[in-house]
Amino acid sequence: GGAQGGRMSKLQCVVVGTGGWAETHLRAYQLCTQVEPVALVGHANAERLEALAGRYGITYRSLSLAEALAATQAEMVDIACNPHYRLEGVRAAEELAEWVGTNEYEVLTNINARVPRVYVTE
């Protein structure tokens, strides 16, 4: 994050999941000028991962959250997946928190005042 030419830069986000929740979050990010999804992480279905990433113009795709975080150095993780896979996300957030000098709670929840809530309705 930070200022670039007087403007705040977008928070770079890794989205975890390829189902309906992830797609809903990606639609919301299209309306949000403060967050940019830079990676999409799936778990097993590579075809669904490729299709969803393609629809939203996300070029970095992976089946490993740790690899996505290392490759993109994203500032935010959005875990929008089946509960069975969320523990992996929390563990990766712990590693990211250690790397940036904070705690996993801040990594997972610290969406500060520069990111307004955007509600998407059908």
Protein backbone atom coordinates (compact mmCIF):
# COMPACT_ATOMS: atom_id res chain seq x y z
CA GLY A 1 0.00 0.00 0.00
CA GLY A 2 0.93 3.63 0.23
CA ALA A 3 0.72 6.78 -1.81
CA GLN A 4 1.74 6.95 -5.44
CA GLY A 5 1.65 10.38 -7.00
CA GLY A 6 -0.73 11.64 -4.33
CA ARG A 7 -3.14 8.72 -4.75
CA MET A 8 -3.44 5.73 -2.48
CA SER A 9 -2.37 2.53 -4.18
CA LYS A 10 -4.72 -0.41 -4.23
CA LEU A 11 -4.39 -3.17 -1.66
CA GLN A 12 -3.28 -6.29 -3.45
CA CYS A 13 -5.40 -9.28 -2.53
CA VAL A 14 -5.18 -13.04 -2.94
CA VAL A 15 -8.62 -14.63 -3.19
CA VAL A 16 -8.88 -18.23 -2.00
CA GLY A 17 -11.70 -20.25 -3.52
CA THR A 18 -13.29 -20.92 -6.89
CA GLY A 19 -16.95 -21.42 -6.02
CA GLY A 20 -19.92 -19.13 -5.61
CA TRP A 21 -18.55 -17.21 -2.62
CA ALA A 22 -15.31 -16.44 -4.42
CA GLU A 23 -17.18 -15.27 -7.52
CA THR A 24 -19.38 -13.01 -5.37
CA HIS A 25 -16.29 -11.49 -3.76
CA LEU A 26 -14.64 -10.97 -7.16
CA ARG A 27 -17.75 -9.18 -8.45
CA ALA A 28 -17.61 -6.90 -5.41
CA TYR A 29 -13.92 -6.17 -6.00
CA GLN A 30 -14.79 -4.99 -9.51
CA LEU A 31 -16.79 -2.19 -7.85
CA CYS A 32 -14.12 -1.41 -5.25
CA THR A 33 -11.43 1.03 -6.28
CA GLN A 34 -9.23 0.26 -3.26
CA VAL A 35 -8.63 -3.49 -3.64
CA GLU A 36 -7.15 -5.38 -6.58
CA PRO A 37 -7.26 -9.20 -6.69
CA VAL A 38 -3.81 -10.20 -7.95
CA ALA A 39 -4.05 -13.97 -7.48
CA LEU A 40 -6.69 -16.67 -7.30
CA VAL A 41 -6.04 -19.87 -5.35
CA GLY A 42 -8.00 -23.07 -5.85
CA HIS A 43 -7.79 -26.45 -4.18
CA ALA A 44 -8.29 -29.23 -6.69
CA ASN A 45 -10.39 -28.19 -9.68
CA ALA A 46 -7.87 -26.58 -12.05
CA GLU A 47 -10.50 -26.07 -14.77
CA ARG A 48 -12.74 -24.07 -12.44
CA LEU A 49 -9.71 -22.08 -11.23
CA GLU A 50 -8.69 -21.19 -14.80
CA ALA A 51 -12.24 -20.28 -15.82
CA LEU A 52 -12.91 -18.01 -12.82
CA ALA A 53 -9.51 -16.31 -13.03
CA GLY A 54 -10.05 -15.74 -16.75
CA ARG A 55 -13.47 -14.15 -16.21
CA TYR A 56 -11.97 -11.62 -13.78
CA GLY A 57 -8.62 -11.01 -15.50
CA ILE A 58 -6.51 -12.54 -12.73
CA THR A 59 -3.25 -13.74 -14.21
CA TYR A 60 -1.66 -15.46 -11.19
CA ARG A 61 -3.40 -18.75 -10.48
CA SER A 62 -2.25 -21.44 -8.08
CA LEU A 63 -3.31 -24.40 -6.02
CA SER A 64 -1.04 -23.19 -3.19
CA LEU A 65 -1.80 -20.13 -1.08
CA ALA A 66 1.76 -20.01 0.24
CA GLU A 67 3.12 -19.90 -3.33
CA ALA A 68 0.62 -17.20 -4.33
CA LEU A 69 1.58 -15.06 -1.35
CA ALA A 70 5.29 -15.46 -2.06
CA ALA A 71 4.85 -14.67 -5.77
CA THR A 72 2.58 -11.64 -5.39
CA GLN A 73 3.56 -10.26 -1.98
CA ALA A 74 -0.13 -9.40 -1.54
CA GLU A 75 -1.20 -7.40 1.49
CA MET A 76 -4.56 -9.08 2.00
CA VAL A 77 -6.02 -12.58 1.88
CA ASP A 78 -9.71 -13.15 1.19
CA ILE A 79 -10.67 -16.68 2.20
CA ALA A 80 -13.88 -17.33 0.27
CA CYS A 81 -13.99 -21.09 0.18
CA ASN A 82 -15.38 -24.25 1.71
CA PRO A 83 -14.74 -24.47 5.48
CA HIS A 84 -12.64 -27.62 4.96
CA TYR A 85 -9.97 -25.52 3.24
CA ARG A 86 -9.96 -22.45 5.51
CA LEU A 87 -7.35 -23.81 7.95
CA GLU A 88 -4.73 -23.77 5.17
CA GLY A 89 -5.53 -20.10 4.62
CA VAL A 90 -5.17 -19.22 8.28
CA ARG A 91 -1.82 -21.03 8.44
CA ALA A 92 -0.56 -19.14 5.38
CA ALA A 93 -1.80 -15.89 6.92
CA GLU A 94 0.29 -16.67 10.01
CA GLU A 95 3.37 -17.01 7.78
CA LEU A 96 2.56 -13.76 5.97
CA ALA A 97 2.02 -11.99 9.30
CA GLU A 98 5.42 -13.11 10.52
CA TRP A 99 7.01 -11.88 7.27
CA VAL A 100 5.40 -8.40 7.51
CA GLY A 101 5.80 -8.10 11.28
CA THR A 102 2.21 -8.33 12.53
CA ASN A 103 -0.18 -11.10 13.57
CA GLU A 104 -2.51 -13.33 11.55
CA TYR A 105 -5.62 -11.54 12.83
CA GLU A 106 -4.40 -8.28 11.27
CA VAL A 107 -3.62 -10.02 7.97
CA LEU A 108 -7.06 -11.62 7.80
CA THR A 109 -9.20 -8.74 9.07
CA ASN A 110 -7.37 -5.42 8.79
CA ILE A 111 -9.27 -3.80 5.99
CA ASN A 112 -8.70 -0.22 7.01
CA ALA A 113 -10.73 2.93 6.48
CA ARG A 114 -9.48 3.43 2.93
CA VAL A 115 -11.48 0.36 1.84
CA PRO A 116 -15.22 1.07 2.02
CA ARG A 117 -17.74 -1.73 2.27
CA VAL A 118 -19.41 -2.43 -1.05
CA TYR A 119 -22.59 -4.50 -1.07
CA VAL A 120 -23.46 -6.32 -4.28
CA THR A 121 -27.09 -7.17 -4.99
CA GLU A 122 -28.35 -9.31 -7.81
